[in-house]
Amino acid sequence: MARSLITLPVSVPRGQVFTVRVLLQHPMEGGFRVGADGRVLPRDIVRRFRCLYDGEAVIEAELFPAIAANPFLEFSVRAADSGSLLFVWEGDHGFYQREQRSVVVT
């Protein structure tokens, strides 16, 4: 499991837009570099990121080999109701990770 850092406010006034920042520690090997042994390093990237707010998609992103290691995403969400944000990463070699955070709408 990769280490993630997710930043968002704990509580938000109803209707207000808030910022979500997501960082995932992942090497993001593009499959183009040559290792010390002269062989091409196998591709190992996070291919897809999704965030759902109470089951409804807020953002979906498709990532490609050119993205840097430890991908960082920042996006905005409008506070509708108290609930949870579900973050899902999918990648090569069966990589799959889910994280969940709660937000309280006042």
C-alpha atoms as a PDB file:
ATOM      1  CA  MET A   1       0.000   0.000   0.000  1.00  0.00           C
ATOM      2  CA  ALA A   2       1.346   3.402  -0.991  1.00  0.00           C
ATOM      3  CA  ARG A   3       1.412   6.243   1.483  1.00  0.00           C
ATOM      4  CA  SER A   4      -1.068   9.027   0.759  1.00  0.00           C
ATOM      5  CA  LEU A   5      -1.446  12.542   2.099  1.00  0.00           C
ATOM      6  CA  ILE A   6      -4.936  14.027   1.787  1.00  0.00           C
ATOM      7  CA  THR A   7      -5.678  17.578   2.882  1.00  0.00           C
ATOM      8  CA  LEU A   8      -9.194  18.984   3.184  1.00  0.00           C
ATOM      9  CA  PRO A   9     -11.115  20.948   5.809  1.00  0.00           C
ATOM     10  CA  VAL A  10     -12.923  19.018   8.544  1.00  0.00           C
ATOM     11  CA  SER A  11     -15.978  21.275   8.369  1.00  0.00           C
ATOM     12  CA  VAL A  12     -17.288  23.599   5.671  1.00  0.00           C
ATOM     13  CA  PRO A  13     -20.319  25.925   5.468  1.00  0.00           C
ATOM     14  CA  ARG A  14     -23.068  24.600   3.171  1.00  0.00           C
ATOM     15  CA  GLY A  15     -22.606  25.735  -0.432  1.00  0.00           C
ATOM     16  CA  GLN A  16     -18.993  26.826   0.044  1.00  0.00           C
ATOM     17  CA  VAL A  17     -16.319  25.576  -2.335  1.00  0.00           C
ATOM     18  CA  PHE A  18     -13.351  23.946  -0.612  1.00  0.00           C
ATOM     19  CA  THR A  19      -9.995  22.718  -1.871  1.00  0.00           C
ATOM     20  CA  VAL A  20      -8.836  19.103  -1.704  1.00  0.00           C
ATOM     21  CA  ARG A  21      -5.149  18.231  -2.102  1.00  0.00           C
ATOM     22  CA  VAL A  22      -4.017  14.654  -2.682  1.00  0.00           C
ATOM     23  CA  LEU A  23      -0.451  13.325  -2.798  1.00  0.00           C
ATOM     24  CA  LEU A  24       0.343   9.653  -3.381  1.00  0.00           C
ATOM     25  CA  GLN A  25       3.837   8.275  -2.803  1.00  0.00           C
ATOM     26  CA  HIS A  26       4.425   6.162  -5.889  1.00  0.00           C
ATOM     27  CA  PRO A  27       7.562   5.823  -8.058  1.00  0.00           C
ATOM     28  CA  MET A  28       5.655   6.253 -11.363  1.00  0.00           C
ATOM     29  CA  GLU A  29       8.190   4.387 -13.488  1.00  0.00           C
ATOM     30  CA  GLY A  30       7.333   5.153 -17.119  1.00  0.00           C
ATOM     31  CA  GLY A  31       8.892   2.053 -18.675  1.00  0.00           C
ATOM     32  CA  PHE A  32      11.429   3.996 -20.747  1.00  0.00           C
ATOM     33  CA  ARG A  33      14.462   4.220 -18.453  1.00  0.00           C
ATOM     34  CA  VAL A  34      17.301   1.747 -18.454  1.00  0.00           C
ATOM     35  CA  GLY A  35      18.431   0.303 -15.125  1.00  0.00           C
ATOM     36  CA  ALA A  36      21.977  -0.341 -13.913  1.00  0.00           C
ATOM     37  CA  ASP A  37      21.879  -3.805 -15.484  1.00  0.00           C
ATOM     38  CA  GLY A  38      21.123  -2.364 -18.953  1.00  0.00           C
ATOM     39  CA  ARG A  39      17.524  -3.574 -19.028  1.00  0.00           C
ATOM     40  CA  VAL A  40      14.527  -1.307 -19.458  1.00  0.00           C
ATOM     41  CA  LEU A  41      12.785  -0.825 -16.114  1.00  0.00           C
ATOM     42  CA  PRO A  42       9.207  -2.136 -16.310  1.00  0.00           C
ATOM     43  CA  ARG A  43       6.397   0.387 -16.406  1.00  0.00           C
ATOM     44  CA  ASP A  44       4.721   0.929 -13.034  1.00  0.00           C
ATOM     45  CA  ILE A  45       2.338   3.879 -12.985  1.00  0.00           C
ATOM     46  CA  VAL A  46      -0.906   4.931 -11.369  1.00  0.00           C
ATOM     47  CA  ARG A  47      -3.224   5.002 -14.369  1.00  0.00           C
ATOM     48  CA  ARG A  48      -6.427   6.352 -12.876  1.00  0.00           C
ATOM     49  CA  PHE A  49      -7.586   8.507  -9.971  1.00  0.00           C
ATOM     50  CA  ARG A  50     -11.192   9.063  -8.875  1.00  0.00           C
ATOM     51  CA  CYS A  51     -12.796  10.974  -6.035  1.00  0.00           C
ATOM     52  CA  LEU A  52     -16.414  10.358  -5.082  1.00  0.00           C
ATOM     53  CA  TYR A  53     -18.435  12.573  -2.730  1.00  0.00           C
ATOM     54  CA  ASP A  54     -21.134  10.372  -1.174  1.00  0.00           C
ATOM     55  CA  GLY A  55     -20.973   8.054  -4.188  1.00  0.00           C
ATOM     56  CA  GLU A  56     -21.070  10.784  -6.842  1.00  0.00           C
ATOM     57  CA  ALA A  57     -17.952  11.389  -8.956  1.00  0.00           C
ATOM     58  CA  VAL A  58     -16.272  14.730  -8.245  1.00  0.00           C
ATOM     59  CA  ILE A  59     -13.176  14.185 -10.382  1.00  0.00           C
ATOM     60  CA  GLU A  60     -11.780  11.437 -12.566  1.00  0.00           C
ATOM     61  CA  ALA A  61      -8.262  11.658 -13.953  1.00  0.00           C
ATOM     62  CA  GLU A  62      -6.367   9.398 -16.318  1.00  0.00           C
ATOM     63  CA  LEU A  63      -2.600   9.516 -15.697  1.00  0.00           C
ATOM     64  CA  PHE A  64       0.148   8.693 -18.185  1.00  0.00           C
ATOM     65  CA  PRO A  65       3.842   7.682 -17.971  1.00  0.00           C
ATOM     66  CA  ALA A  66       5.027  11.286 -18.340  1.00  0.00           C
ATOM     67  CA  ILE A  67       3.638  12.273 -14.927  1.00  0.00           C
ATOM     68  CA  ALA A  68       6.178  12.725 -12.137  1.00  0.00           C
ATOM     69  CA  ALA A  69       6.748  10.378  -9.238  1.00  0.00           C
ATOM     70  CA  ASN A  70       4.504  10.987  -6.235  1.00  0.00           C
ATOM     71  CA  PRO A  71       1.566  12.414  -8.203  1.00  0.00           C
ATOM     72  CA  PHE A  72      -0.108  15.472  -6.650  1.00  0.00           C
ATOM     73  CA  LEU A  73      -3.634  16.569  -7.526  1.00  0.00           C
ATOM     74  CA  GLU A  74      -5.593  19.591  -6.322  1.00  0.00           C
ATOM     75  CA  PHE A  75      -9.260  20.190  -7.043  1.00  0.00           C
ATOM     76  CA  SER A  76     -12.298  22.014  -5.675  1.00  0.00           C
ATOM     77  CA  VAL A  77     -15.550  20.606  -4.317  1.00  0.00           C
ATOM     78  CA  ARG A  78     -18.771  22.395  -3.365  1.00  0.00           C
ATOM     79  CA  ALA A  79     -20.023  21.415   0.096  1.00  0.00           C
ATOM     80  CA  ALA A  80     -23.538  20.023  -0.298  1.00  0.00           C
ATOM     81  CA  ASP A  81     -24.146  17.741   2.693  1.00  0.00           C
ATOM     82  CA  SER A  82     -22.077  16.123   5.408  1.00  0.00           C
ATOM     83  CA  GLY A  83     -20.603  12.920   4.106  1.00  0.00           C
ATOM     84  CA  SER A  84     -17.481  11.200   2.959  1.00  0.00           C
ATOM     85  CA  LEU A  85     -15.014  11.593   0.151  1.00  0.00           C
ATOM     86  CA  LEU A  86     -13.704   8.340  -1.297  1.00  0.00           C
ATOM     87  CA  PHE A  87     -10.350   8.478  -3.092  1.00  0.00           C
ATOM     88  CA  VAL A  88      -9.460   5.602  -5.441  1.00  0.00           C
ATOM     89  CA  TRP A  89      -6.171   5.018  -7.263  1.00  0.00           C
ATOM     90  CA  GLU A  90      -5.674   2.228  -9.818  1.00  0.00           C
ATOM     91  CA  GLY A  91      -2.443   1.321 -11.529  1.00  0.00           C
ATOM     92  CA  ASP A  92      -0.223  -1.219 -13.202  1.00  0.00           C
ATOM     93  CA  HIS A  93       0.442  -4.667 -11.739  1.00  0.00           C
ATOM     94  CA  GLY A  94      -2.889  -4.740  -9.913  1.00  0.00           C
ATOM     95  CA  PHE A  95      -2.212  -1.607  -7.862  1.00  0.00           C
ATOM     96  CA  TYR A  96      -5.428  -0.487  -6.169  1.00  0.00           C
ATOM     97  CA  GLN A  97      -5.788   1.809  -3.190  1.00  0.00           C
ATOM     98  CA  ARG A  98      -8.770   3.430  -1.473  1.00  0.00           C
ATOM     99  CA  GLU A  99      -8.819   6.109   1.188  1.00  0.00           C
ATOM    100  CA  GLN A 100     -11.827   7.777   2.778  1.00  0.00           C
ATOM    101  CA  ARG A 101     -12.209  11.109   4.592  1.00  0.00           C
ATOM    102  CA  SER A 102     -15.239  12.753   6.165  1.00  0.00           C
ATOM    103  CA  VAL A 103     -16.414  16.326   5.792  1.00  0.00           C
ATOM    104  CA  VAL A 104     -18.999  18.005   8.016  1.00  0.00           C
ATOM    105  CA  VAL A 105     -21.226  20.598   6.350  1.00  0.00           C
ATOM    106  CA  THR A 106     -22.478  23.256   8.764  1.00  0.00           C
END
